Amino acid sequence: QVQLVESGGGLVQAGGSLRLSCAASGRTISAYAMGWFRQPPGKEREFVAAISWSGGKIYYADSVQGRFTISRENAKNTVYLQMNSLKPEDTAVYYCAVGRRRFASGLKDYTRPSEYDYWGQGTQVTVSS
């Protein structure tokens, strides 16, 4: 079993920044792609960003490209999401997740929640206008 704990959420004004962390325990995540998703109020969960097991491949949703940065620190079993230039439409509960397959070669499929098998409990991000 893998436990994921997100932190770093909060209330921020539009244009501000937050850095989310996702700490994993129970299994080393270094062999797995990791992803961030979010669920805005009253909407479906949506893909935000994914990073390959090596960190060499990264993919972003169009809505966050150029503003958000995903990174990982395998020695700390932790993944991060740096969020800059935040907008009110970024308001959501943010979740991190562990990919299902070890040493996956690509990230194309990792926009789908079905490609992940462990999820954190989420952290709230609220951006005021």
N, C-alpha and C. Protein backbone atom coordinates (compact mmCIF):
# COMPACT_ATOMS: atom_id res chain seq x y z
N GLN A 1 0.83 -1.20 0.00
CA GLN A 1 0.00 0.00 0.00
C GLN A 1 0.87 1.25 0.00
N VAL A 2 0.38 2.25 -0.68
CA VAL A 2 1.07 3.53 -0.74
C VAL A 2 0.17 4.58 -0.12
N GLN A 3 0.73 5.39 0.74
CA GLN A 3 0.00 6.53 1.28
C GLN A 3 0.62 7.82 0.71
N LEU A 4 -0.25 8.69 0.24
CA LEU A 4 0.17 9.97 -0.30
C LEU A 4 -0.47 11.08 0.52
N VAL A 5 0.34 12.04 0.90
CA VAL A 5 -0.17 13.17 1.68
C VAL A 5 0.23 14.47 0.98
N GLU A 6 -0.78 15.19 0.52
CA GLU A 6 -0.55 16.48 -0.10
C GLU A 6 -0.54 17.58 0.96
N SER A 7 0.23 18.61 0.70
CA SER A 7 0.27 19.77 1.58
C SER A 7 0.63 21.00 0.76
N GLY A 8 0.43 22.16 1.37
CA GLY A 8 0.82 23.41 0.70
C GLY A 8 -0.32 24.21 0.12
N GLY A 9 -1.52 23.66 0.19
CA GLY A 9 -2.66 24.41 -0.32
C GLY A 9 -3.01 25.57 0.60
N GLY A 10 -3.95 26.39 0.14
CA GLY A 10 -4.37 27.53 0.95
C GLY A 10 -5.11 28.55 0.12
N LEU A 11 -5.26 29.73 0.70
CA LEU A 11 -5.94 30.84 0.06
C LEU A 11 -4.89 31.83 -0.43
N VAL A 12 -5.00 32.23 -1.69
CA VAL A 12 -4.04 33.15 -2.27
C VAL A 12 -4.77 34.09 -3.22
N GLN A 13 -4.26 35.28 -3.38
CA GLN A 13 -4.85 36.23 -4.32
C GLN A 13 -4.43 35.90 -5.75
N ALA A 14 -5.26 36.29 -6.68
CA ALA A 14 -4.92 36.10 -8.09
C ALA A 14 -3.55 36.71 -8.40
N GLY A 15 -2.77 35.99 -9.16
CA GLY A 15 -1.41 36.42 -9.46
C GLY A 15 -0.37 35.88 -8.51
N GLY A 16 -0.81 35.30 -7.42
CA GLY A 16 0.10 34.77 -6.43
C GLY A 16 0.60 33.38 -6.77
N SER A 17 1.36 32.80 -5.83
CA SER A 17 1.98 31.50 -6.03
C SER A 17 1.75 30.60 -4.83
N LEU A 18 1.75 29.32 -5.11
CA LEU A 18 1.74 28.29 -4.07
C LEU A 18 2.60 27.13 -4.55
N ARG A 19 3.16 26.40 -3.58
CA ARG A 19 3.90 25.19 -3.91
C ARG A 19 3.29 24.03 -3.16
N LEU A 20 2.75 23.08 -3.92
CA LEU A 20 2.18 21.89 -3.33
C LEU A 20 3.24 20.80 -3.24
N SER A 21 3.15 20.02 -2.17
CA SER A 21 4.03 18.87 -2.00
C SER A 21 3.17 17.62 -1.85
N CYS A 22 3.73 16.51 -2.29
CA CYS A 22 3.06 15.22 -2.16
C CYS A 22 4.11 14.23 -1.65
N ALA A 23 3.97 13.85 -0.39
CA ALA A 23 4.92 12.93 0.23
C ALA A 23 4.34 11.53 0.23
N ALA A 24 5.13 10.58 -0.26
CA ALA A 24 4.69 9.19 -0.34
C ALA A 24 5.36 8.36 0.74
N SER A 25 4.61 7.38 1.22
CA SER A 25 5.16 6.42 2.17
C SER A 25 4.58 5.05 1.86
N GLY A 26 5.25 4.02 2.33
CA GLY A 26 4.78 2.66 2.10
C GLY A 26 5.41 1.99 0.90
N ARG A 27 5.93 2.82 -0.03
CA ARG A 27 6.60 2.29 -1.21
C ARG A 27 7.43 3.42 -1.80
N THR A 28 8.59 3.08 -2.33
CA THR A 28 9.33 4.10 -3.04
C THR A 28 8.66 4.37 -4.39
N ILE A 29 8.55 5.63 -4.73
CA ILE A 29 7.86 6.03 -5.95
C ILE A 29 8.82 6.28 -7.10
N SER A 30 10.10 6.02 -6.89
CA SER A 30 11.09 6.40 -7.90
C SER A 30 10.91 5.67 -9.23
N ALA A 31 10.21 4.53 -9.24
CA ALA A 31 10.03 3.77 -10.47
C ALA A 31 8.71 4.08 -11.17
N TYR A 32 7.97 5.06 -10.67
CA TYR A 32 6.62 5.30 -11.16
C TYR A 32 6.42 6.75 -11.60
N ALA A 33 5.65 6.89 -12.67
CA ALA A 33 5.21 8.22 -13.03
C ALA A 33 4.29 8.75 -11.93
N MET A 34 4.28 10.07 -11.79
CA MET A 34 3.43 10.72 -10.80
C MET A 34 2.61 11.79 -11.50
N GLY A 35 1.42 12.01 -10.97
CA GLY A 35 0.56 13.02 -11.57
C GLY A 35 -0.13 13.89 -10.54
N TRP A 36 -0.52 15.07 -11.01
CA TRP A 36 -1.37 15.96 -10.24
C TRP A 36 -2.68 16.15 -11.00
N PHE A 37 -3.77 16.07 -10.28
CA PHE A 37 -5.10 16.32 -10.81
C PHE A 37 -5.77 17.36 -9.91
N ARG A 38 -6.87 17.90 -10.39
CA ARG A 38 -7.63 18.82 -9.55
C ARG A 38 -9.12 18.65 -9.83
N GLN A 39 -9.91 19.00 -8.84
CA GLN A 39 -11.36 18.94 -8.99
C GLN A 39 -11.95 20.27 -8.54
N PRO A 40 -12.34 21.11 -9.52
CA PRO A 40 -12.98 22.38 -9.18
C PRO A 40 -14.36 22.13 -8.58
N PRO A 41 -14.90 23.09 -7.86
CA PRO A 41 -16.22 22.91 -7.26
C PRO A 41 -17.28 22.57 -8.30
N GLY A 42 -18.00 21.50 -8.08
CA GLY A 42 -19.09 21.11 -8.96
C GLY A 42 -18.66 20.54 -10.30
N LYS A 43 -17.38 20.25 -10.46
CA LYS A 43 -16.90 19.74 -11.75
C LYS A 43 -16.19 18.40 -11.58
N GLU A 44 -15.89 17.78 -12.74
CA GLU A 44 -15.16 16.52 -12.74
C GLU A 44 -13.68 16.74 -12.41
N ARG A 45 -13.05 15.66 -11.95
CA ARG A 45 -11.61 15.72 -11.73
C ARG A 45 -10.91 15.87 -13.08
N GLU A 46 -9.89 16.72 -13.12
CA GLU A 46 -9.19 16.98 -14.37
C GLU A 46 -7.69 16.89 -14.19
N PHE A 47 -7.04 16.53 -15.28
CA PHE A 47 -5.58 16.38 -15.28
C PHE A 47 -4.91 17.74 -15.20
N VAL A 48 -3.80 17.81 -14.45
CA VAL A 48 -3.03 19.04 -14.35
C VAL A 48 -1.62 18.84 -14.93
N ALA A 49 -0.90 17.84 -14.41
CA ALA A 49 0.49 17.64 -14.84
C ALA A 49 0.93 16.22 -14.49
N ALA A 50 1.91 15.72 -15.24
CA ALA A 50 2.49 14.41 -14.97
C ALA A 50 3.98 14.47 -15.20
N ILE A 51 4.70 13.62 -14.48
CA ILE A 51 6.15 13.54 -14.62
C ILE A 51 6.55 12.08 -14.64
N SER A 52 7.46 11.73 -15.54
CA SER A 52 7.88 10.34 -15.67
C SER A 52 8.70 9.91 -14.47
N TRP A 53 8.95 8.61 -14.38
CA TRP A 53 9.67 8.07 -13.22
C TRP A 53 11.06 8.68 -13.09
N SER A 54 11.68 8.99 -14.24
CA SER A 54 13.03 9.55 -14.20
C SER A 54 13.03 11.07 -14.07
N GLY A 55 11.87 11.68 -14.30
CA GLY A 55 11.81 13.13 -14.34
C GLY A 55 12.14 13.70 -15.70
N GLY A 56 12.48 12.84 -16.65
CA GLY A 56 12.92 13.31 -17.95
C GLY A 56 11.80 13.70 -18.89
N LYS A 57 10.58 13.27 -18.58
CA LYS A 57 9.42 13.63 -19.40
C LYS A 57 8.38 14.28 -18.51
N ILE A 58 7.83 15.37 -19.00
CA ILE A 58 6.83 16.13 -18.26
C ILE A 58 5.73 16.53 -19.22
N TYR A 59 4.51 16.53 -18.72
CA TYR A 59 3.36 16.90 -19.56
C TYR A 59 2.40 17.73 -18.73
N TYR A 60 1.88 18.80 -19.34
CA TYR A 60 0.96 19.70 -18.65
C TYR A 60 -0.36 19.83 -19.41
N ALA A 61 -1.40 20.08 -18.67
CA ALA A 61 -2.65 20.51 -19.29
C ALA A 61 -2.44 21.89 -19.91
N ASP A 62 -3.14 22.15 -21.00
CA ASP A 62 -3.00 23.44 -21.66
C ASP A 62 -3.31 24.60 -20.72
N SER A 63 -4.24 24.39 -19.82
CA SER A 63 -4.70 25.46 -18.94
C SER A 63 -3.65 25.92 -17.94
N VAL A 64 -2.61 25.10 -17.71
CA VAL A 64 -1.59 25.45 -16.71
C VAL A 64 -0.20 25.58 -17.32
N GLN A 65 -0.07 25.22 -18.60
CA GLN A 65 1.22 25.29 -19.28
C GLN A 65 1.81 26.69 -19.14
N GLY A 66 3.06 26.76 -18.75
CA GLY A 66 3.74 28.04 -18.60
C GLY A 66 3.56 28.69 -17.24
N ARG A 67 2.65 28.18 -16.45
CA ARG A 67 2.40 28.75 -15.11
C ARG A 67 2.75 27.77 -13.99
N PHE A 68 2.54 26.48 -14.23
CA PHE A 68 2.79 25.45 -13.23
C PHE A 68 4.04 24.65 -13.62
N THR A 69 4.74 24.16 -12.59
CA THR A 69 5.90 23.31 -12.81
C THR A 69 5.84 22.11 -11.89
N ILE A 70 5.88 20.92 -12.48
CA ILE A 70 5.92 19.69 -11.70
C ILE A 70 7.37 19.24 -11.59
N SER A 71 7.73 18.71 -10.43
CA SER A 71 9.08 18.20 -10.23
C SER A 71 9.02 17.08 -9.21
N ARG A 72 10.10 16.34 -9.12
CA ARG A 72 10.13 15.24 -8.15
C ARG A 72 11.51 15.15 -7.52
N GLU A 73 11.53 14.69 -6.31
CA GLU A 73 12.77 14.48 -5.58
C GLU A 73 12.69 13.06 -5.04
N ASN A 74 13.19 12.12 -5.83
CA ASN A 74 13.03 10.70 -5.49
C ASN A 74 13.71 10.34 -4.18
N ALA A 75 14.78 11.01 -3.84
CA ALA A 75 15.46 10.71 -2.57
C ALA A 75 14.56 11.01 -1.37
N LYS A 76 13.61 11.92 -1.58
CA LYS A 76 12.67 12.26 -0.50
C LYS A 76 11.30 11.65 -0.73
N ASN A 77 11.19 10.85 -1.81
CA ASN A 77 9.89 10.21 -2.12
C ASN A 77 8.77 11.26 -2.21
N THR A 78 9.08 12.37 -2.85
CA THR A 78 8.18 13.52 -2.86
C THR A 78 8.08 14.10 -4.26
N VAL A 79 6.88 14.57 -4.58
CA VAL A 79 6.62 15.26 -5.83
C VAL A 79 6.07 16.64 -5.50
N TYR A 80 6.38 17.61 -6.34
CA TYR A 80 5.97 18.99 -6.09
C TYR A 80 5.18 19.54 -7.27
N LEU A 81 4.40 20.55 -6.97
CA LEU A 81 3.73 21.32 -8.03
C LEU A 81 3.86 22.80 -7.66
N GLN A 82 4.73 23.48 -8.38
CA GLN A 82 4.89 24.92 -8.20
C GLN A 82 3.86 25.62 -9.06
N MET A 83 3.03 26.44 -8.46
CA MET A 83 1.95 27.11 -9.17
C MET A 83 2.16 28.62 -9.09
N ASN A 84 2.39 29.24 -10.22
CA ASN A 84 2.59 30.68 -10.31
C ASN A 84 1.46 31.32 -11.11
N SER A 85 1.35 32.63 -10.99
CA SER A 85 0.34 33.39 -11.74
C SER A 85 -1.04 32.76 -11.59
N LEU A 86 -1.39 32.46 -10.38
CA LEU A 86 -2.65 31.75 -10.13
C LEU A 86 -3.85 32.61 -10.51
N LYS A 87 -4.87 31.91 -10.99
CA LYS A 87 -6.11 32.55 -11.42
C LYS A 87 -7.27 31.98 -10.60
N PRO A 88 -8.37 32.74 -10.51
CA PRO A 88 -9.53 32.21 -9.78
C PRO A 88 -9.99 30.85 -10.30
N GLU A 89 -9.84 30.61 -11.60
CA GLU A 89 -10.28 29.33 -12.16
C GLU A 89 -9.36 28.17 -11.78
N ASP A 90 -8.25 28.45 -11.10
CA ASP A 90 -7.41 27.38 -10.58
C ASP A 90 -7.93 26.86 -9.24
N THR A 91 -8.95 27.50 -8.70
CA THR A 91 -9.53 27.05 -7.43
C THR A 91 -10.05 25.63 -7.56
N ALA A 92 -9.59 24.75 -6.68
CA ALA A 92 -9.94 23.33 -6.76
C ALA A 92 -9.30 22.60 -5.58
N VAL A 93 -9.71 21.35 -5.42
CA VAL A 93 -8.97 20.43 -4.57
C VAL A 93 -7.94 19.74 -5.46
N TYR A 94 -6.70 19.78 -5.03
CA TYR A 94 -5.60 19.21 -5.83
C TYR A 94 -5.18 17.87 -5.23
N TYR A 95 -5.04 16.89 -6.13
CA TYR A 95 -4.69 15.53 -5.74
C TYR A 95 -3.41 15.09 -6.45
N CYS A 96 -2.56 14.36 -5.73
CA CYS A 96 -1.45 13.69 -6.41
C CYS A 96 -1.78 12.20 -6.49
N ALA A 97 -1.12 11.53 -7.43
CA ALA A 97 -1.39 10.12 -7.66
C ALA A 97 -0.15 9.42 -8.19
N VAL A 98 -0.07 8.12 -7.93
CA VAL A 98 1.04 7.28 -8.37
C VAL A 98 0.61 6.46 -9.58
N GLY A 99 1.41 6.46 -10.61
CA GLY A 99 1.13 5.68 -11.80
C GLY A 99 1.12 4.19 -11.53
N ARG A 100 0.40 3.45 -12.39
CA ARG A 100 0.23 2.01 -12.18
C ARG A 100 1.44 1.20 -12.60
N ARG A 101 2.17 1.67 -13.60
CA ARG A 101 3.21 0.83 -14.22
C ARG A 101 4.61 1.30 -13.86
N ARG A 102 5.47 0.33 -13.55
CA ARG A 102 6.86 0.65 -13.25
C ARG A 102 7.62 0.98 -14.52
N PHE A 103 8.46 1.99 -14.43
CA PHE A 103 9.36 2.37 -15.54
C PHE A 103 8.60 2.55 -16.85
N ALA A 104 7.43 3.16 -16.78
CA ALA A 104 6.68 3.43 -18.00
C ALA A 104 7.50 4.31 -18.92
N SER A 105 7.43 4.00 -20.23
CA SER A 105 8.30 4.69 -21.19
C SER A 105 7.77 6.04 -21.63
N GLY A 106 6.49 6.27 -21.51
CA GLY A 106 5.94 7.53 -21.99
C GLY A 106 4.93 8.11 -21.01
N LEU A 107 4.41 9.28 -21.34
CA LEU A 107 3.44 9.95 -20.48
C LEU A 107 2.10 10.17 -21.16
N LYS A 108 2.00 9.75 -22.42
CA LYS A 108 0.80 10.06 -23.19
C LYS A 108 -0.47 9.61 -22.48
N ASP A 109 -0.43 8.45 -21.83
CA ASP A 109 -1.63 7.90 -21.21
C ASP A 109 -1.90 8.49 -19.84
N TYR A 110 -0.98 9.24 -19.29
CA TYR A 110 -1.08 9.64 -17.89
C TYR A 110 -1.93 10.87 -17.64
N THR A 111 -2.69 11.26 -18.64
CA THR A 111 -3.71 12.28 -18.41
C THR A 111 -4.99 11.66 -17.89
N ARG A 112 -5.08 10.35 -17.92
CA ARG A 112 -6.30 9.65 -17.50
C ARG A 112 -6.17 9.16 -16.06
N PRO A 113 -7.18 9.41 -15.23
CA PRO A 113 -7.13 8.91 -13.84
C PRO A 113 -6.97 7.39 -13.76
N SER A 114 -7.43 6.67 -14.78
CA SER A 114 -7.34 5.21 -14.75
C SER A 114 -5.90 4.69 -14.80
N GLU A 115 -4.95 5.55 -15.15
CA GLU A 115 -3.55 5.14 -15.20
C GLU A 115 -2.86 5.24 -13.84
N TYR A 116 -3.60 5.63 -12.83
CA TYR A 116 -3.04 5.79 -11.49
C TYR A 116 -3.76 4.86 -10.52
N ASP A 117 -3.02 4.33 -9.56
CA ASP A 117 -3.70 3.41 -8.65
C ASP A 117 -3.67 3.83 -7.19
N TYR A 118 -2.96 4.88 -6.84
CA TYR A 118 -3.02 5.40 -5.48
C TYR A 118 -3.17 6.91 -5.54
N TRP A 119 -4.02 7.41 -4.66
CA TRP A 119 -4.34 8.83 -4.63
C TRP A 119 -4.22 9.38 -3.21
N GLY A 120 -3.84 10.65 -3.14
CA GLY A 120 -3.86 11.32 -1.86
C GLY A 120 -5.26 11.80 -1.51
N GLN A 121 -5.37 12.44 -0.37
CA GLN A 121 -6.67 12.90 0.11
C GLN A 121 -7.03 14.28 -0.44
N GLY A 122 -6.05 14.95 -1.01
CA GLY A 122 -6.30 16.24 -1.63
C GLY A 122 -5.97 17.41 -0.71
N THR A 123 -5.65 18.54 -1.33
CA THR A 123 -5.42 19.78 -0.60
C THR A 123 -6.15 20.90 -1.33
N GLN A 124 -6.82 21.74 -0.57
CA GLN A 124 -7.64 22.80 -1.16
C GLN A 124 -6.78 23.99 -1.56
N VAL A 125 -6.99 24.46 -2.78
CA VAL A 125 -6.39 25.69 -3.27
C VAL A 125 -7.51 26.64 -3.65
N THR A 126 -7.51 27.81 -3.05
CA THR A 126 -8.52 28.82 -3.34
C THR A 126 -7.83 30.10 -3.78
N VAL A 127 -8.20 30.58 -4.97
CA VAL A 127 -7.61 31.79 -5.53
C VAL A 127 -8.69 32.86 -5.59
N SER A 128 -8.46 33.93 -4.87
CA SER A 128 -9.45 35.02 -4.83
C SER A 128 -9.12 36.06 -5.91
N SER A 129 -10.17 36.68 -6.40
CA SER A 129 -9.99 37.69 -7.47
C SER A 129 -9.76 39.08 -6.91
